[in-house]
Amino acid sequence: MAAQRFDWKGVVARGLFSLFIVFALYNPSGYSYLHWLVDSFEWFWAKLAVGAALAAVLMMLWRTTRGVLKLQGMLLVALFSLGAGVTLAHLSGMSLTDPEAMLIWALLTLAAIFTAGLSYSHLDHRLGGISHTDEITK
């Protein structure tokens, strides 16, 4: 199969999906699944269903990212994100000790790791013509 023309739409869609899942699980604004979960004992079955769906998606993201990037790739993306965060904080004059800013950057780093894990095979195939497959043995 010949490599198709590179398209950023797939990477952007995967990035937005990763951001949505990470910030839906928890964010410091107070509007997240974890905030809703501990808010009250009402809506137990809805909270259970949403939690199960989030857990399934997070497990899929984690398994895919771990399988594609391995630990070294995840550390590389985290180090890149850390470097970009420190540089942006320095250029904008933001304090590096602000706990809320550090939490948001940690969540953005997690979303970046998931995005890289979901996008690596896509990019590698489009740019280099290399296909990644999982081999299942019985």
N, C-alpha and C. Protein backbone atom coordinates (compact mmCIF):
# COMPACT_ATOMS: atom_id res chain seq x y z
N MET A 1 0.85 -1.17 0.00
CA MET A 1 0.00 0.00 0.00
C MET A 1 0.89 1.23 0.00
N ALA A 2 0.66 2.15 -0.89
CA ALA A 2 1.46 3.37 -0.97
C ALA A 2 1.00 4.35 0.12
N ALA A 3 1.96 5.14 0.59
CA ALA A 3 1.65 6.15 1.61
C ALA A 3 0.76 7.22 1.00
N GLN A 4 -0.27 7.58 1.72
CA GLN A 4 -1.17 8.62 1.25
C GLN A 4 -0.61 9.98 1.64
N ARG A 5 -1.18 11.03 1.10
CA ARG A 5 -0.77 12.39 1.42
C ARG A 5 -0.98 12.65 2.91
N PHE A 6 0.00 13.28 3.55
CA PHE A 6 -0.08 13.55 4.99
C PHE A 6 -1.20 14.55 5.28
N ASP A 7 -1.96 14.27 6.32
CA ASP A 7 -3.10 15.11 6.67
C ASP A 7 -3.09 15.34 8.18
N TRP A 8 -3.10 16.58 8.60
CA TRP A 8 -3.07 16.92 10.03
C TRP A 8 -4.42 16.71 10.71
N LYS A 9 -5.49 16.52 9.95
CA LYS A 9 -6.81 16.39 10.56
C LYS A 9 -6.89 15.22 11.53
N GLY A 10 -6.25 14.11 11.20
CA GLY A 10 -6.25 12.95 12.09
C GLY A 10 -5.55 13.23 13.40
N VAL A 11 -4.42 13.93 13.34
CA VAL A 11 -3.67 14.26 14.55
C VAL A 11 -4.47 15.23 15.41
N VAL A 12 -5.07 16.23 14.79
CA VAL A 12 -5.86 17.21 15.55
C VAL A 12 -7.07 16.53 16.20
N ALA A 13 -7.74 15.66 15.47
CA ALA A 13 -8.89 14.95 16.04
C ALA A 13 -8.47 14.08 17.22
N ARG A 14 -7.34 13.38 17.09
CA ARG A 14 -6.86 12.55 18.19
C ARG A 14 -6.46 13.42 19.38
N GLY A 15 -5.87 14.58 19.12
CA GLY A 15 -5.50 15.50 20.20
C GLY A 15 -6.70 16.04 20.93
N LEU A 16 -7.71 16.43 20.19
CA LEU A 16 -8.94 16.94 20.83
C LEU A 16 -9.64 15.84 21.63
N PHE A 17 -9.64 14.63 21.10
CA PHE A 17 -10.23 13.50 21.81
C PHE A 17 -9.48 13.24 23.12
N SER A 18 -8.15 13.24 23.07
CA SER A 18 -7.35 13.03 24.27
C SER A 18 -7.58 14.13 25.30
N LEU A 19 -7.61 15.37 24.85
CA LEU A 19 -7.89 16.49 25.77
C LEU A 19 -9.26 16.34 26.42
N PHE A 20 -10.26 15.98 25.62
CA PHE A 20 -11.61 15.82 26.15
C PHE A 20 -11.65 14.75 27.24
N ILE A 21 -11.05 13.59 26.97
CA ILE A 21 -11.09 12.50 27.94
C ILE A 21 -10.34 12.86 29.21
N VAL A 22 -9.14 13.42 29.09
CA VAL A 22 -8.34 13.76 30.27
C VAL A 22 -9.04 14.82 31.11
N PHE A 23 -9.54 15.88 30.48
CA PHE A 23 -10.18 16.95 31.24
C PHE A 23 -11.60 16.61 31.67
N ALA A 24 -12.23 15.62 31.03
CA ALA A 24 -13.54 15.17 31.51
C ALA A 24 -13.38 14.36 32.79
N LEU A 25 -12.30 13.62 32.90
CA LEU A 25 -12.05 12.84 34.11
C LEU A 25 -11.77 13.75 35.30
N TYR A 26 -10.87 14.70 35.12
CA TYR A 26 -10.58 15.66 36.20
C TYR A 26 -10.02 16.94 35.61
N ASN A 27 -10.46 18.06 36.15
CA ASN A 27 -9.88 19.35 35.87
C ASN A 27 -10.14 20.26 37.06
N PRO A 28 -9.33 21.28 37.28
CA PRO A 28 -9.47 22.11 38.48
C PRO A 28 -10.66 23.07 38.47
N SER A 29 -11.44 23.11 37.40
CA SER A 29 -12.57 24.05 37.34
C SER A 29 -13.73 23.63 38.24
N GLY A 30 -13.79 22.35 38.59
CA GLY A 30 -14.89 21.86 39.42
C GLY A 30 -15.96 21.15 38.60
N TYR A 31 -15.82 21.13 37.29
CA TYR A 31 -16.77 20.46 36.42
C TYR A 31 -16.09 19.27 35.75
N SER A 32 -16.03 18.16 36.46
CA SER A 32 -15.41 16.96 35.92
C SER A 32 -16.12 15.75 36.49
N TYR A 33 -15.76 14.57 35.97
CA TYR A 33 -16.39 13.35 36.45
C TYR A 33 -16.08 13.13 37.94
N LEU A 34 -14.85 13.34 38.35
CA LEU A 34 -14.51 13.12 39.77
C LEU A 34 -15.24 14.09 40.68
N HIS A 35 -15.43 15.33 40.26
CA HIS A 35 -16.22 16.28 41.06
C HIS A 35 -17.67 15.83 41.16
N TRP A 36 -18.23 15.38 40.03
CA TRP A 36 -19.61 14.92 40.00
C TRP A 36 -19.77 13.67 40.86
N LEU A 37 -18.77 12.81 40.85
CA LEU A 37 -18.83 11.56 41.60
C LEU A 37 -18.90 11.80 43.10
N VAL A 38 -18.09 12.70 43.61
CA VAL A 38 -18.05 12.94 45.06
C VAL A 38 -19.04 14.00 45.52
N ASP A 39 -19.77 14.61 44.59
CA ASP A 39 -20.71 15.69 44.92
C ASP A 39 -21.85 15.20 45.82
N SER A 40 -22.47 14.08 45.48
CA SER A 40 -23.59 13.56 46.26
C SER A 40 -23.77 12.09 45.94
N PHE A 41 -24.72 11.47 46.63
CA PHE A 41 -25.00 10.06 46.40
C PHE A 41 -26.12 9.85 45.39
N GLU A 42 -26.61 10.91 44.79
CA GLU A 42 -27.67 10.79 43.79
C GLU A 42 -27.10 10.31 42.46
N TRP A 43 -27.96 9.81 41.60
CA TRP A 43 -27.60 9.38 40.26
C TRP A 43 -26.54 8.28 40.26
N PHE A 44 -26.63 7.33 41.18
CA PHE A 44 -25.61 6.29 41.31
C PHE A 44 -25.40 5.52 40.02
N TRP A 45 -26.49 5.08 39.38
CA TRP A 45 -26.36 4.25 38.18
C TRP A 45 -25.80 5.04 37.00
N ALA A 46 -26.17 6.30 36.89
CA ALA A 46 -25.61 7.15 35.83
C ALA A 46 -24.12 7.38 36.06
N LYS A 47 -23.74 7.61 37.32
CA LYS A 47 -22.33 7.81 37.64
C LYS A 47 -21.53 6.54 37.37
N LEU A 48 -22.12 5.40 37.68
CA LEU A 48 -21.46 4.12 37.43
C LEU A 48 -21.27 3.89 35.93
N ALA A 49 -22.30 4.17 35.15
CA ALA A 49 -22.22 3.98 33.69
C ALA A 49 -21.19 4.91 33.07
N VAL A 50 -21.20 6.17 33.45
CA VAL A 50 -20.24 7.13 32.91
C VAL A 50 -18.82 6.75 33.34
N GLY A 51 -18.67 6.32 34.58
CA GLY A 51 -17.36 5.90 35.08
C GLY A 51 -16.84 4.68 34.33
N ALA A 52 -17.72 3.74 34.05
CA ALA A 52 -17.30 2.55 33.30
C ALA A 52 -16.89 2.93 31.88
N ALA A 53 -17.64 3.83 31.25
CA ALA A 53 -17.28 4.27 29.90
C ALA A 53 -15.94 5.01 29.90
N LEU A 54 -15.74 5.91 30.87
CA LEU A 54 -14.46 6.62 30.97
C LEU A 54 -13.31 5.65 31.23
N ALA A 55 -13.53 4.68 32.11
CA ALA A 55 -12.49 3.70 32.41
C ALA A 55 -12.14 2.88 31.17
N ALA A 56 -13.14 2.49 30.39
CA ALA A 56 -12.89 1.72 29.17
C ALA A 56 -12.08 2.54 28.17
N VAL A 57 -12.44 3.80 27.99
CA VAL A 57 -11.72 4.65 27.05
C VAL A 57 -10.30 4.90 27.54
N LEU A 58 -10.13 5.16 28.84
CA LEU A 58 -8.79 5.38 29.38
C LEU A 58 -7.92 4.14 29.26
N MET A 59 -8.49 2.96 29.48
CA MET A 59 -7.73 1.72 29.32
C MET A 59 -7.31 1.53 27.87
N MET A 60 -8.21 1.86 26.93
CA MET A 60 -7.87 1.77 25.52
C MET A 60 -6.76 2.76 25.17
N LEU A 61 -6.85 3.98 25.66
CA LEU A 61 -5.81 4.97 25.41
C LEU A 61 -4.48 4.52 25.99
N TRP A 62 -4.50 4.03 27.23
CA TRP A 62 -3.27 3.60 27.89
C TRP A 62 -2.64 2.41 27.17
N ARG A 63 -3.45 1.43 26.81
CA ARG A 63 -2.93 0.22 26.15
C ARG A 63 -2.34 0.57 24.78
N THR A 64 -3.02 1.41 24.04
CA THR A 64 -2.52 1.81 22.73
C THR A 64 -1.23 2.62 22.85
N THR A 65 -1.22 3.57 23.76
CA THR A 65 -0.04 4.42 23.95
C THR A 65 1.15 3.60 24.43
N ARG A 66 0.92 2.73 25.39
CA ARG A 66 2.00 1.90 25.92
C ARG A 66 2.53 0.95 24.84
N GLY A 67 1.64 0.41 24.03
CA GLY A 67 2.06 -0.50 22.98
C GLY A 67 2.83 0.17 21.87
N VAL A 68 2.47 1.39 21.53
CA VAL A 68 3.10 2.09 20.41
C VAL A 68 4.36 2.82 20.84
N LEU A 69 4.28 3.60 21.91
CA LEU A 69 5.41 4.44 22.31
C LEU A 69 6.38 3.75 23.25
N LYS A 70 5.91 2.79 23.99
CA LYS A 70 6.70 2.16 25.06
C LYS A 70 7.04 3.23 26.10
N LEU A 71 7.75 2.84 27.14
CA LEU A 71 8.09 3.76 28.22
C LEU A 71 9.00 4.89 27.73
N GLN A 72 9.94 4.56 26.86
CA GLN A 72 10.89 5.57 26.38
C GLN A 72 10.18 6.68 25.60
N GLY A 73 9.24 6.32 24.77
CA GLY A 73 8.50 7.31 24.00
C GLY A 73 7.63 8.19 24.88
N MET A 74 6.99 7.57 25.88
CA MET A 74 6.16 8.36 26.80
C MET A 74 7.03 9.33 27.59
N LEU A 75 8.21 8.90 28.03
CA LEU A 75 9.12 9.80 28.74
C LEU A 75 9.61 10.92 27.83
N LEU A 76 9.86 10.62 26.57
CA LEU A 76 10.30 11.64 25.62
C LEU A 76 9.22 12.71 25.43
N VAL A 77 7.98 12.29 25.27
CA VAL A 77 6.89 13.25 25.12
C VAL A 77 6.72 14.07 26.40
N ALA A 78 6.84 13.42 27.56
CA ALA A 78 6.71 14.13 28.84
C ALA A 78 7.84 15.14 29.00
N LEU A 79 9.07 14.77 28.63
CA LEU A 79 10.19 15.71 28.72
C LEU A 79 10.01 16.88 27.76
N PHE A 80 9.52 16.61 26.56
CA PHE A 80 9.25 17.69 25.61
C PHE A 80 8.19 18.63 26.18
N SER A 81 7.14 18.06 26.75
CA SER A 81 6.06 18.86 27.33
C SER A 81 6.58 19.69 28.52
N LEU A 82 7.42 19.08 29.34
CA LEU A 82 8.01 19.80 30.47
C LEU A 82 8.86 20.96 29.98
N GLY A 83 9.68 20.71 28.97
CA GLY A 83 10.51 21.78 28.42
C GLY A 83 9.68 22.90 27.82
N ALA A 84 8.64 22.53 27.08
CA ALA A 84 7.76 23.55 26.50
C ALA A 84 7.05 24.34 27.59
N GLY A 85 6.62 23.66 28.65
CA GLY A 85 5.92 24.33 29.75
C GLY A 85 6.81 25.31 30.49
N VAL A 86 8.03 24.91 30.78
CA VAL A 86 8.96 25.80 31.48
C VAL A 86 9.31 26.99 30.60
N THR A 87 9.49 26.75 29.31
CA THR A 87 9.79 27.85 28.38
C THR A 87 8.63 28.83 28.30
N LEU A 88 7.41 28.31 28.15
CA LEU A 88 6.25 29.20 28.09
C LEU A 88 6.04 29.96 29.40
N ALA A 89 6.27 29.30 30.53
CA ALA A 89 6.14 29.97 31.82
C ALA A 89 7.17 31.09 31.94
N HIS A 90 8.38 30.82 31.51
CA HIS A 90 9.44 31.83 31.57
C HIS A 90 9.13 33.02 30.66
N LEU A 91 8.67 32.73 29.44
CA LEU A 91 8.38 33.81 28.49
C LEU A 91 7.17 34.64 28.90
N SER A 92 6.20 34.00 29.55
CA SER A 92 4.98 34.72 29.94
C SER A 92 5.08 35.34 31.32
N GLY A 93 6.11 35.00 32.08
CA GLY A 93 6.26 35.55 33.43
C GLY A 93 5.40 34.83 34.46
N MET A 94 4.84 33.68 34.10
CA MET A 94 4.00 32.91 35.02
C MET A 94 4.89 32.23 36.07
N SER A 95 4.38 32.10 37.27
CA SER A 95 5.13 31.46 38.35
C SER A 95 5.14 29.94 38.14
N LEU A 96 6.30 29.34 38.33
CA LEU A 96 6.42 27.90 38.22
C LEU A 96 5.95 27.17 39.47
N THR A 97 5.63 27.91 40.52
CA THR A 97 5.19 27.28 41.77
C THR A 97 3.68 27.35 41.96
N ASP A 98 2.95 27.86 40.98
CA ASP A 98 1.49 27.93 41.07
C ASP A 98 0.92 26.52 40.93
N PRO A 99 0.29 25.98 42.00
CA PRO A 99 -0.18 24.59 41.94
C PRO A 99 -1.23 24.33 40.87
N GLU A 100 -2.13 25.28 40.64
CA GLU A 100 -3.16 25.07 39.63
C GLU A 100 -2.57 25.04 38.23
N ALA A 101 -1.61 25.90 37.97
CA ALA A 101 -0.95 25.90 36.66
C ALA A 101 -0.16 24.61 36.47
N MET A 102 0.48 24.13 37.51
CA MET A 102 1.22 22.87 37.41
C MET A 102 0.29 21.69 37.16
N LEU A 103 -0.89 21.70 37.80
CA LEU A 103 -1.87 20.64 37.58
C LEU A 103 -2.38 20.66 36.14
N ILE A 104 -2.70 21.84 35.65
CA ILE A 104 -3.17 21.95 34.26
C ILE A 104 -2.09 21.48 33.30
N TRP A 105 -0.82 21.85 33.57
CA TRP A 105 0.24 21.41 32.68
C TRP A 105 0.44 19.90 32.75
N ALA A 106 0.26 19.31 33.94
CA ALA A 106 0.34 17.85 34.05
C ALA A 106 -0.77 17.17 33.25
N LEU A 107 -1.98 17.74 33.30
CA LEU A 107 -3.09 17.18 32.51
C LEU A 107 -2.84 17.34 31.01
N LEU A 108 -2.29 18.49 30.61
CA LEU A 108 -1.95 18.70 29.21
C LEU A 108 -0.85 17.73 28.76
N THR A 109 0.09 17.45 29.65
CA THR A 109 1.15 16.49 29.33
C THR A 109 0.57 15.11 29.13
N LEU A 110 -0.35 14.70 30.00
CA LEU A 110 -0.99 13.40 29.85
C LEU A 110 -1.75 13.32 28.53
N ALA A 111 -2.47 14.38 28.18
CA ALA A 111 -3.18 14.41 26.90
C ALA A 111 -2.20 14.37 25.73
N ALA A 112 -1.06 15.03 25.85
CA ALA A 112 -0.04 15.01 24.80
C ALA A 112 0.53 13.60 24.62
N ILE A 113 0.73 12.91 25.73
CA ILE A 113 1.24 11.53 25.66
C ILE A 113 0.23 10.64 24.95
N PHE A 114 -1.05 10.77 25.32
CA PHE A 114 -2.09 9.98 24.66
C PHE A 114 -2.18 10.33 23.17
N THR A 115 -2.09 11.62 22.85
CA THR A 115 -2.16 12.05 21.45
C THR A 115 -1.00 11.46 20.65
N ALA A 116 0.18 11.51 21.22
CA ALA A 116 1.35 10.94 20.54
C ALA A 116 1.18 9.44 20.34
N GLY A 117 0.64 8.75 21.34
CA GLY A 117 0.43 7.32 21.23
C GLY A 117 -0.60 6.96 20.18
N LEU A 118 -1.64 7.77 20.08
CA LEU A 118 -2.68 7.51 19.09
C LEU A 118 -2.26 7.93 17.68
N SER A 119 -1.33 8.88 17.59
CA SER A 119 -0.98 9.45 16.29
C SER A 119 0.29 8.87 15.69
N TYR A 120 1.12 8.21 16.47
CA TYR A 120 2.43 7.78 15.96
C TYR A 120 2.30 6.86 14.75
N SER A 121 1.48 5.85 14.85
CA SER A 121 1.34 4.93 13.72
C SER A 121 0.78 5.65 12.50
N HIS A 122 -0.17 6.55 12.73
CA HIS A 122 -0.77 7.35 11.65
C HIS A 122 0.31 8.18 10.95
N LEU A 123 1.12 8.87 11.74
CA LEU A 123 2.17 9.72 11.16
C LEU A 123 3.24 8.88 10.47
N ASP A 124 3.65 7.80 11.12
CA ASP A 124 4.69 6.95 10.55
C ASP A 124 4.26 6.36 9.22
N HIS A 125 3.00 5.94 9.13
CA HIS A 125 2.49 5.39 7.88
C HIS A 125 2.39 6.46 6.80
N ARG A 126 1.90 7.65 7.15
CA ARG A 126 1.71 8.70 6.15
C ARG A 126 3.05 9.27 5.68
N LEU A 127 4.01 9.42 6.59
CA LEU A 127 5.27 10.04 6.22
C LEU A 127 6.29 9.04 5.68
N GLY A 128 6.29 7.83 6.23
CA GLY A 128 7.30 6.87 5.83
C GLY A 128 6.79 5.66 5.10
N GLY A 129 5.48 5.50 5.03
CA GLY A 129 4.92 4.34 4.34
C GLY A 129 5.03 3.05 5.14
N ILE A 130 5.28 3.16 6.45
CA ILE A 130 5.44 1.98 7.30
C ILE A 130 4.12 1.71 8.02
N SER A 131 3.65 0.47 7.93
CA SER A 131 2.40 0.08 8.60
C SER A 131 2.74 -0.67 9.88
N HIS A 132 2.00 -0.38 10.94
CA HIS A 132 2.16 -1.07 12.22
C HIS A 132 0.99 -2.02 12.39
N THR A 133 1.28 -3.24 12.79
CA THR A 133 0.23 -4.20 13.03
C THR A 133 0.47 -4.91 14.35
N ASP A 134 -0.59 -5.44 14.93
CA ASP A 134 -0.49 -6.28 16.10
C ASP A 134 -0.58 -7.73 15.64
N GLU A 135 0.32 -8.53 16.10
CA GLU A 135 0.29 -9.93 15.74
C GLU A 135 -0.30 -10.72 16.92
N ILE A 136 -1.35 -11.44 16.66
CA ILE A 136 -2.03 -12.20 17.69
C ILE A 136 -1.69 -13.66 17.51
N THR A 137 -1.13 -14.26 18.56
CA THR A 137 -0.79 -15.69 18.50
C THR A 137 -1.69 -16.46 19.45
N LYS A 138 -2.01 -17.67 19.05
CA LYS A 138 -2.88 -18.50 19.90
C LYS A 138 -2.06 -19.52 20.63
